[in-house]
Amino acid sequence: MAATTLARRAAEPPVLARLKTDAAFQAFWMMRIGFTVVPILFGADKFAHVMVNWDKYLAPEVQHWFSPFDTVQQTMYVVGIVEIVAGVVVLFLPRVGGYLVGLWLAGIVANLAMIGGYWDVMMRDVALCLLALSFARLSSSADVVRPAQPSSPSSTSTG
C-alpha cells in the first residue's frame, strides 16, 4: 500500500505534488487565479453593465482631468480594457501583474476617495490592493514559483 502511494506521488507532476503540500504555493495559485479571473470579469462588465452601472464609480474630477473622452461610458471602456489586460498579465507574468493590479487598485482607491460616499467599497479596495502587493511579493519568491534546484557538485566546490 505504501509503495503504491509512493509510486503515485513520484508519477505526479511536481506542480500537483506541491499544491497538495506547500501552503505558500497553494496561496500563490489561489491569488493568481483570483487576480486573473476577477479583473477580466469586471473589465468585461464595463462593456455590458450586467453586475452594476460602473459609470457611477468614476469621480467627475477624474473624468475631467484625466480622460480624453467626452463621456464616462467611453472612459469606462478603456478602464475595462485595462482591467482585462491586467488579468492576462497576472496569468502570464505574475510578478509584474501583481504590482500592476496593486497600482490599479490604488488608483481606484484614490478615485473613490474623491467621490466620497463609497467608503465601504474603498476600504475593500485598500485590502485588495494590499493583497495584490502581497501576491506580487509572493510571486517574486523563487521557491514559490518554481522549486529550488539542487546545487550541482561544481557549484559547491571551493576550488
N, C-alpha and C. Protein backbone atom coordinates (compact mmCIF):
# COMPACT_ATOMS: atom_id res chain seq x y z
N MET A 1 0.82 -1.19 0.00
CA MET A 1 0.00 0.00 0.00
C MET A 1 0.87 1.26 0.00
N ALA A 2 1.88 1.29 0.88
CA ALA A 2 2.77 2.44 0.94
C ALA A 2 3.55 2.59 -0.34
N ALA A 3 3.96 1.48 -0.94
CA ALA A 3 4.70 1.53 -2.19
C ALA A 3 3.84 2.10 -3.31
N THR A 4 2.55 1.75 -3.31
CA THR A 4 1.63 2.29 -4.32
C THR A 4 1.49 3.80 -4.17
N THR A 5 1.36 4.27 -2.93
CA THR A 5 1.24 5.71 -2.68
C THR A 5 2.51 6.43 -3.11
N LEU A 6 3.66 5.88 -2.78
CA LEU A 6 4.93 6.50 -3.18
C LEU A 6 5.08 6.51 -4.70
N ALA A 7 4.69 5.43 -5.36
CA ALA A 7 4.79 5.38 -6.81
C ALA A 7 3.87 6.40 -7.45
N ARG A 8 2.67 6.55 -6.89
CA ARG A 8 1.72 7.53 -7.43
C ARG A 8 2.27 8.95 -7.24
N ARG A 9 2.83 9.23 -6.07
CA ARG A 9 3.39 10.56 -5.83
C ARG A 9 4.58 10.84 -6.74
N ALA A 10 5.39 9.84 -6.98
CA ALA A 10 6.55 10.01 -7.87
C ALA A 10 6.10 10.28 -9.29
N ALA A 11 4.95 9.75 -9.68
CA ALA A 11 4.45 9.93 -11.04
C ALA A 11 3.72 11.26 -11.22
N GLU A 12 3.33 11.93 -10.12
CA GLU A 12 2.61 13.20 -10.22
C GLU A 12 3.53 14.29 -10.75
N PRO A 13 2.97 15.19 -11.52
CA PRO A 13 3.77 16.36 -11.90
C PRO A 13 4.16 17.15 -10.65
N PRO A 14 5.33 17.78 -10.64
CA PRO A 14 5.79 18.50 -9.45
C PRO A 14 4.81 19.57 -8.98
N VAL A 15 4.13 20.23 -9.90
CA VAL A 15 3.19 21.29 -9.51
C VAL A 15 2.05 20.70 -8.68
N LEU A 16 1.49 19.59 -9.12
CA LEU A 16 0.39 18.97 -8.38
C LEU A 16 0.85 18.48 -7.01
N ALA A 17 2.04 17.92 -6.96
CA ALA A 17 2.57 17.46 -5.68
C ALA A 17 2.73 18.64 -4.72
N ARG A 18 3.23 19.74 -5.21
CA ARG A 18 3.42 20.93 -4.37
C ARG A 18 2.09 21.53 -3.95
N LEU A 19 1.09 21.49 -4.83
CA LEU A 19 -0.23 22.02 -4.48
C LEU A 19 -0.85 21.25 -3.32
N LYS A 20 -0.50 20.00 -3.17
CA LYS A 20 -1.05 19.19 -2.09
C LYS A 20 -0.38 19.48 -0.75
N THR A 21 0.86 19.95 -0.76
CA THR A 21 1.62 20.01 0.48
C THR A 21 2.16 21.39 0.85
N ASP A 22 2.33 22.28 -0.10
CA ASP A 22 3.02 23.55 0.13
C ASP A 22 2.01 24.69 0.28
N ALA A 23 1.84 25.18 1.51
CA ALA A 23 0.83 26.22 1.78
C ALA A 23 1.12 27.51 1.01
N ALA A 24 2.37 27.90 0.91
CA ALA A 24 2.71 29.13 0.17
C ALA A 24 2.39 28.97 -1.31
N PHE A 25 2.65 27.80 -1.85
CA PHE A 25 2.35 27.52 -3.25
C PHE A 25 0.84 27.52 -3.48
N GLN A 26 0.09 26.97 -2.55
CA GLN A 26 -1.38 27.00 -2.63
C GLN A 26 -1.89 28.42 -2.61
N ALA A 27 -1.37 29.24 -1.70
CA ALA A 27 -1.78 30.64 -1.60
C ALA A 27 -1.45 31.40 -2.89
N PHE A 28 -0.25 31.14 -3.41
CA PHE A 28 0.15 31.78 -4.66
C PHE A 28 -0.85 31.47 -5.77
N TRP A 29 -1.23 30.20 -5.92
CA TRP A 29 -2.14 29.82 -7.01
C TRP A 29 -3.56 30.33 -6.78
N MET A 30 -4.02 30.36 -5.53
CA MET A 30 -5.36 30.93 -5.28
C MET A 30 -5.39 32.40 -5.66
N MET A 31 -4.35 33.14 -5.28
CA MET A 31 -4.31 34.56 -5.63
C MET A 31 -4.10 34.75 -7.13
N ARG A 32 -3.29 33.92 -7.75
CA ARG A 32 -3.06 34.03 -9.19
C ARG A 32 -4.36 33.83 -9.96
N ILE A 33 -5.12 32.81 -9.58
CA ILE A 33 -6.40 32.56 -10.24
C ILE A 33 -7.36 33.72 -9.98
N GLY A 34 -7.46 34.16 -8.73
CA GLY A 34 -8.36 35.26 -8.39
C GLY A 34 -8.01 36.56 -9.10
N PHE A 35 -6.71 36.92 -9.11
CA PHE A 35 -6.31 38.17 -9.74
C PHE A 35 -6.24 38.06 -11.26
N THR A 36 -6.49 36.89 -11.79
CA THR A 36 -6.68 36.73 -13.24
C THR A 36 -8.16 36.84 -13.58
N VAL A 37 -8.98 36.05 -12.92
CA VAL A 37 -10.40 35.94 -13.26
C VAL A 37 -11.18 37.21 -12.92
N VAL A 38 -10.98 37.74 -11.72
CA VAL A 38 -11.80 38.89 -11.28
C VAL A 38 -11.58 40.12 -12.16
N PRO A 39 -10.34 40.56 -12.42
CA PRO A 39 -10.19 41.72 -13.30
C PRO A 39 -10.75 41.49 -14.71
N ILE A 40 -10.60 40.27 -15.23
CA ILE A 40 -11.14 40.00 -16.57
C ILE A 40 -12.66 40.10 -16.55
N LEU A 41 -13.30 39.51 -15.54
CA LEU A 41 -14.77 39.58 -15.46
C LEU A 41 -15.26 41.01 -15.25
N PHE A 42 -14.64 41.73 -14.30
CA PHE A 42 -15.08 43.10 -14.05
C PHE A 42 -14.76 44.00 -15.23
N GLY A 43 -13.63 43.75 -15.89
CA GLY A 43 -13.30 44.53 -17.09
C GLY A 43 -14.29 44.31 -18.20
N ALA A 44 -14.68 43.05 -18.42
CA ALA A 44 -15.68 42.76 -19.45
C ALA A 44 -17.02 43.39 -19.11
N ASP A 45 -17.33 43.45 -17.81
CA ASP A 45 -18.62 44.03 -17.41
C ASP A 45 -18.66 45.54 -17.61
N LYS A 46 -17.52 46.18 -17.79
CA LYS A 46 -17.53 47.62 -18.09
C LYS A 46 -18.21 47.87 -19.44
N PHE A 47 -18.25 46.84 -20.28
CA PHE A 47 -18.92 46.94 -21.59
C PHE A 47 -20.39 46.54 -21.50
N ALA A 48 -20.72 45.66 -20.56
CA ALA A 48 -22.06 45.08 -20.51
C ALA A 48 -22.95 45.65 -19.41
N HIS A 49 -22.36 46.12 -18.32
CA HIS A 49 -23.11 46.63 -17.17
C HIS A 49 -24.11 45.61 -16.63
N VAL A 50 -23.71 44.35 -16.57
CA VAL A 50 -24.58 43.31 -16.02
C VAL A 50 -24.55 43.35 -14.49
N MET A 51 -23.35 43.49 -13.91
CA MET A 51 -23.21 43.47 -12.45
C MET A 51 -23.66 44.78 -11.82
N VAL A 52 -23.29 45.88 -12.43
CA VAL A 52 -23.57 47.20 -11.84
C VAL A 52 -23.37 48.26 -12.93
N ASN A 53 -23.92 49.43 -12.72
CA ASN A 53 -23.65 50.56 -13.60
C ASN A 53 -22.34 51.19 -13.13
N TRP A 54 -21.27 50.84 -13.80
CA TRP A 54 -19.93 51.26 -13.39
C TRP A 54 -19.71 52.76 -13.52
N ASP A 55 -20.48 53.42 -14.35
CA ASP A 55 -20.29 54.85 -14.59
C ASP A 55 -20.37 55.67 -13.30
N LYS A 56 -21.18 55.23 -12.35
CA LYS A 56 -21.35 56.00 -11.11
C LYS A 56 -20.11 55.95 -10.22
N TYR A 57 -19.18 55.05 -10.52
CA TYR A 57 -17.98 54.92 -9.70
C TYR A 57 -16.79 55.72 -10.23
N LEU A 58 -17.00 56.55 -11.22
CA LEU A 58 -15.90 57.39 -11.74
C LEU A 58 -16.10 58.81 -11.23
N ALA A 59 -15.11 59.30 -10.52
CA ALA A 59 -15.17 60.66 -9.99
C ALA A 59 -15.24 61.66 -11.14
N PRO A 60 -16.10 62.67 -11.04
CA PRO A 60 -16.17 63.68 -12.11
C PRO A 60 -14.82 64.35 -12.36
N GLU A 61 -14.03 64.52 -11.29
CA GLU A 61 -12.71 65.14 -11.46
C GLU A 61 -11.78 64.26 -12.29
N VAL A 62 -11.87 62.96 -12.10
CA VAL A 62 -11.05 62.04 -12.88
C VAL A 62 -11.45 62.11 -14.35
N GLN A 63 -12.76 62.11 -14.59
CA GLN A 63 -13.25 62.22 -15.96
C GLN A 63 -12.78 63.53 -16.60
N HIS A 64 -12.85 64.60 -15.84
CA HIS A 64 -12.47 65.92 -16.37
C HIS A 64 -10.96 66.06 -16.57
N TRP A 65 -10.17 65.63 -15.59
CA TRP A 65 -8.72 65.86 -15.62
C TRP A 65 -7.95 64.84 -16.45
N PHE A 66 -8.37 63.58 -16.41
CA PHE A 66 -7.54 62.53 -16.98
C PHE A 66 -8.08 61.86 -18.23
N SER A 67 -9.36 62.00 -18.48
CA SER A 67 -9.93 61.28 -19.62
C SER A 67 -9.96 62.15 -20.87
N PRO A 68 -9.48 61.63 -21.97
CA PRO A 68 -9.57 62.38 -23.23
C PRO A 68 -10.94 62.22 -23.89
N PHE A 69 -11.82 61.46 -23.27
CA PHE A 69 -13.11 61.15 -23.88
C PHE A 69 -14.20 62.08 -23.35
N ASP A 70 -15.25 62.21 -24.14
CA ASP A 70 -16.35 63.11 -23.78
C ASP A 70 -17.30 62.51 -22.75
N THR A 71 -17.46 61.18 -22.76
CA THR A 71 -18.43 60.58 -21.86
C THR A 71 -17.76 59.62 -20.88
N VAL A 72 -18.42 59.44 -19.75
CA VAL A 72 -17.94 58.49 -18.75
C VAL A 72 -17.94 57.08 -19.34
N GLN A 73 -18.96 56.75 -20.14
CA GLN A 73 -19.04 55.41 -20.72
C GLN A 73 -17.82 55.11 -21.59
N GLN A 74 -17.39 56.08 -22.38
CA GLN A 74 -16.19 55.87 -23.20
C GLN A 74 -14.96 55.63 -22.32
N THR A 75 -14.87 56.38 -21.23
CA THR A 75 -13.76 56.18 -20.30
C THR A 75 -13.84 54.79 -19.68
N MET A 76 -15.03 54.34 -19.35
CA MET A 76 -15.21 53.01 -18.76
C MET A 76 -14.81 51.90 -19.73
N TYR A 77 -14.96 52.13 -21.02
CA TYR A 77 -14.48 51.13 -21.98
C TYR A 77 -12.96 50.96 -21.85
N VAL A 78 -12.25 52.06 -21.71
CA VAL A 78 -10.79 52.00 -21.54
C VAL A 78 -10.45 51.33 -20.21
N VAL A 79 -11.19 51.68 -19.16
CA VAL A 79 -10.99 51.06 -17.86
C VAL A 79 -11.17 49.54 -17.99
N GLY A 80 -12.20 49.12 -18.69
CA GLY A 80 -12.44 47.69 -18.90
C GLY A 80 -11.29 47.01 -19.62
N ILE A 81 -10.77 47.66 -20.63
CA ILE A 81 -9.64 47.09 -21.38
C ILE A 81 -8.42 46.96 -20.47
N VAL A 82 -8.15 48.00 -19.67
CA VAL A 82 -7.00 47.96 -18.75
C VAL A 82 -7.17 46.81 -17.77
N GLU A 83 -8.37 46.61 -17.24
CA GLU A 83 -8.59 45.54 -16.27
C GLU A 83 -8.42 44.16 -16.91
N ILE A 84 -8.91 44.01 -18.12
CA ILE A 84 -8.74 42.73 -18.82
C ILE A 84 -7.25 42.46 -19.06
N VAL A 85 -6.54 43.46 -19.51
CA VAL A 85 -5.09 43.30 -19.75
C VAL A 85 -4.38 42.97 -18.43
N ALA A 86 -4.76 43.63 -17.34
CA ALA A 86 -4.13 43.36 -16.05
C ALA A 86 -4.34 41.90 -15.64
N GLY A 87 -5.54 41.37 -15.85
CA GLY A 87 -5.81 39.97 -15.54
C GLY A 87 -4.96 39.03 -16.37
N VAL A 88 -4.79 39.34 -17.64
CA VAL A 88 -3.97 38.50 -18.51
C VAL A 88 -2.50 38.58 -18.10
N VAL A 89 -2.04 39.77 -17.72
CA VAL A 89 -0.65 39.91 -17.27
C VAL A 89 -0.42 39.08 -16.00
N VAL A 90 -1.38 39.09 -15.07
CA VAL A 90 -1.25 38.26 -13.87
C VAL A 90 -1.11 36.79 -14.25
N LEU A 91 -1.88 36.35 -15.22
CA LEU A 91 -1.84 34.95 -15.63
C LEU A 91 -0.46 34.56 -16.16
N PHE A 92 0.10 35.39 -17.04
CA PHE A 92 1.35 35.03 -17.71
C PHE A 92 2.60 35.58 -17.03
N LEU A 93 2.50 36.72 -16.37
CA LEU A 93 3.65 37.34 -15.70
C LEU A 93 3.23 37.76 -14.29
N PRO A 94 3.06 36.81 -13.38
CA PRO A 94 2.51 37.16 -12.07
C PRO A 94 3.35 38.16 -11.28
N ARG A 95 4.66 38.12 -11.44
CA ARG A 95 5.50 39.08 -10.71
C ARG A 95 5.18 40.52 -11.12
N VAL A 96 4.97 40.74 -12.39
CA VAL A 96 4.62 42.07 -12.90
C VAL A 96 3.14 42.36 -12.65
N GLY A 97 2.31 41.36 -12.91
CA GLY A 97 0.87 41.53 -12.79
C GLY A 97 0.42 41.90 -11.40
N GLY A 98 1.04 41.35 -10.38
CA GLY A 98 0.67 41.69 -9.01
C GLY A 98 0.87 43.17 -8.73
N TYR A 99 2.00 43.71 -9.17
CA TYR A 99 2.25 45.14 -8.98
C TYR A 99 1.31 45.99 -9.85
N LEU A 100 1.03 45.52 -11.05
CA LEU A 100 0.12 46.24 -11.94
C LEU A 100 -1.28 46.33 -11.31
N VAL A 101 -1.78 45.21 -10.82
CA VAL A 101 -3.10 45.21 -10.19
C VAL A 101 -3.09 46.05 -8.92
N GLY A 102 -2.01 45.96 -8.14
CA GLY A 102 -1.90 46.78 -6.93
C GLY A 102 -1.93 48.27 -7.25
N LEU A 103 -1.20 48.67 -8.28
CA LEU A 103 -1.19 50.07 -8.69
C LEU A 103 -2.57 50.50 -9.18
N TRP A 104 -3.22 49.65 -9.97
CA TRP A 104 -4.55 49.95 -10.48
C TRP A 104 -5.54 50.11 -9.32
N LEU A 105 -5.47 49.22 -8.34
CA LEU A 105 -6.36 49.31 -7.18
C LEU A 105 -6.08 50.56 -6.36
N ALA A 106 -4.83 50.98 -6.27
CA ALA A 106 -4.52 52.23 -5.57
C ALA A 106 -5.18 53.41 -6.29
N GLY A 107 -5.19 53.37 -7.62
CA GLY A 107 -5.89 54.41 -8.38
C GLY A 107 -7.39 54.38 -8.13
N ILE A 108 -7.95 53.19 -8.04
CA ILE A 108 -9.38 53.07 -7.75
C ILE A 108 -9.68 53.63 -6.37
N VAL A 109 -8.81 53.36 -5.40
CA VAL A 109 -8.99 53.89 -4.04
C VAL A 109 -8.99 55.42 -4.07
N ALA A 110 -8.04 56.01 -4.77
CA ALA A 110 -7.97 57.47 -4.87
C ALA A 110 -9.22 58.02 -5.55
N ASN A 111 -9.66 57.37 -6.61
CA ASN A 111 -10.87 57.77 -7.31
C ASN A 111 -12.08 57.74 -6.38
N LEU A 112 -12.25 56.66 -5.63
CA LEU A 112 -13.39 56.53 -4.71
C LEU A 112 -13.31 57.55 -3.58
N ALA A 113 -12.10 57.88 -3.12
CA ALA A 113 -11.95 58.90 -2.09
C ALA A 113 -12.41 60.26 -2.62
N MET A 114 -12.18 60.53 -3.89
CA MET A 114 -12.63 61.80 -4.48
C MET A 114 -14.15 61.86 -4.57
N ILE A 115 -14.78 60.73 -4.85
CA ILE A 115 -16.24 60.71 -4.95
C ILE A 115 -16.86 60.88 -3.57
N GLY A 116 -16.34 60.14 -2.59
CA GLY A 116 -16.93 60.12 -1.26
C GLY A 116 -18.21 59.28 -1.27
N GLY A 117 -18.61 58.82 -0.11
CA GLY A 117 -19.85 58.06 0.00
C GLY A 117 -19.72 56.58 -0.28
N TYR A 118 -18.59 56.15 -0.83
CA TYR A 118 -18.36 54.72 -1.10
C TYR A 118 -17.22 54.21 -0.21
N TRP A 119 -17.22 54.60 1.05
CA TRP A 119 -16.11 54.28 1.94
C TRP A 119 -15.96 52.78 2.15
N ASP A 120 -17.08 52.06 2.18
CA ASP A 120 -17.01 50.61 2.35
C ASP A 120 -16.32 49.96 1.15
N VAL A 121 -16.66 50.39 -0.04
CA VAL A 121 -16.05 49.86 -1.25
C VAL A 121 -14.57 50.26 -1.29
N MET A 122 -14.29 51.50 -0.89
CA MET A 122 -12.91 51.97 -0.89
C MET A 122 -12.05 51.15 0.06
N MET A 123 -12.57 50.85 1.26
CA MET A 123 -11.78 50.06 2.21
C MET A 123 -11.57 48.63 1.71
N ARG A 124 -12.56 48.08 1.02
CA ARG A 124 -12.39 46.76 0.42
C ARG A 124 -11.26 46.80 -0.62
N ASP A 125 -11.24 47.88 -1.41
CA ASP A 125 -10.20 48.01 -2.44
C ASP A 125 -8.83 48.28 -1.84
N VAL A 126 -8.77 48.93 -0.67
CA VAL A 126 -7.49 49.07 0.04
C VAL A 126 -6.98 47.68 0.40
N ALA A 127 -7.87 46.84 0.94
CA ALA A 127 -7.47 45.48 1.31
C ALA A 127 -7.04 44.69 0.08
N LEU A 128 -7.77 44.82 -1.03
CA LEU A 128 -7.40 44.13 -2.26
C LEU A 128 -6.06 44.62 -2.79
N CYS A 129 -5.80 45.92 -2.66
CA CYS A 129 -4.52 46.48 -3.10
C CYS A 129 -3.38 45.86 -2.30
N LEU A 130 -3.55 45.77 -0.98
CA LEU A 130 -2.52 45.15 -0.14
C LEU A 130 -2.36 43.67 -0.48
N LEU A 131 -3.46 42.99 -0.79
CA LEU A 131 -3.39 41.59 -1.18
C LEU A 131 -2.66 41.44 -2.52
N ALA A 132 -2.92 42.34 -3.46
CA ALA A 132 -2.23 42.27 -4.76
C ALA A 132 -0.73 42.50 -4.59
N LEU A 133 -0.36 43.43 -3.72
CA LEU A 133 1.07 43.66 -3.47
C LEU A 133 1.69 42.46 -2.76
N SER A 134 0.94 41.83 -1.86
CA SER A 134 1.42 40.61 -1.21
C SER A 134 1.59 39.50 -2.23
N PHE A 135 0.66 39.40 -3.17
CA PHE A 135 0.77 38.41 -4.24
C PHE A 135 2.03 38.66 -5.07
N ALA A 136 2.29 39.93 -5.38
CA ALA A 136 3.49 40.26 -6.17
C ALA A 136 4.75 39.83 -5.42
N ARG A 137 4.80 40.09 -4.12
CA ARG A 137 5.95 39.68 -3.33
C ARG A 137 6.06 38.16 -3.28
N LEU A 138 4.93 37.49 -3.08
CA LEU A 138 4.92 36.03 -3.02
C LEU A 138 5.39 35.44 -4.34
N SER A 139 4.96 36.03 -5.45
CA SER A 139 5.35 35.50 -6.75
C SER A 139 6.81 35.80 -7.07
N SER A 140 7.41 36.73 -6.36
CA SER A 140 8.83 37.02 -6.55
C SER A 140 9.71 36.00 -5.84
N SER A 141 9.13 35.23 -4.98
CA SER A 141 9.88 34.23 -4.23
C SER A 141 10.14 33.03 -5.14
N ALA A 142 11.39 32.76 -5.40
CA ALA A 142 11.76 31.70 -6.35
C ALA A 142 11.24 30.34 -5.91
N ASP A 143 11.18 30.08 -4.60
CA ASP A 143 10.73 28.77 -4.17
C ASP A 143 9.22 28.60 -4.28
N VAL A 144 8.49 29.69 -4.49
CA VAL A 144 7.05 29.58 -4.70
C VAL A 144 6.74 29.37 -6.17
N VAL A 145 7.43 30.09 -7.03
CA VAL A 145 7.18 29.99 -8.46
C VAL A 145 7.72 28.69 -9.02
N ARG A 146 8.90 28.30 -8.62
CA ARG A 146 9.49 27.04 -9.08
C ARG A 146 10.29 26.45 -7.92
N PRO A 147 10.33 25.15 -7.84
CA PRO A 147 11.07 24.54 -6.74
C PRO A 147 12.56 24.89 -6.82
N ALA A 148 13.16 24.98 -5.68
CA ALA A 148 14.60 25.26 -5.64
C ALA A 148 15.35 24.13 -6.32
N GLN A 149 16.30 24.48 -7.15
CA GLN A 149 17.11 23.49 -7.86
C GLN A 149 18.23 23.02 -6.95
N PRO A 150 18.47 21.73 -6.92
CA PRO A 150 19.61 21.27 -6.10
C PRO A 150 20.91 21.82 -6.68
N SER A 151 21.80 22.15 -5.82
CA SER A 151 23.06 22.70 -6.30
C SER A 151 23.89 21.60 -6.93
N SER A 152 24.58 21.95 -7.99
CA SER A 152 25.42 20.98 -8.69
C SER A 152 26.72 20.82 -7.91
N PRO A 153 27.39 19.69 -8.07
CA PRO A 153 28.66 19.48 -7.35
C PRO A 153 29.69 20.54 -7.66
N SER A 154 29.71 21.07 -8.89
CA SER A 154 30.72 22.07 -9.23
C SER A 154 30.46 23.40 -8.55
N SER A 155 29.19 23.67 -8.21
CA SER A 155 28.90 24.96 -7.57
C SER A 155 29.22 24.93 -6.07
N THR A 156 29.36 23.73 -5.51
CA THR A 156 29.66 23.66 -4.09
C THR A 156 31.16 23.52 -3.81
N SER A 157 31.96 23.33 -4.84
CA SER A 157 33.40 23.17 -4.62
C SER A 157 34.02 24.53 -4.35
N THR A 158 35.04 24.52 -3.57
CA THR A 158 35.73 25.77 -3.21
C THR A 158 36.91 26.02 -4.12
N GLY A 159 37.18 25.07 -4.99
CA GLY A 159 38.33 25.01 -5.80
C GLY A 159 38.70 26.03 -6.68
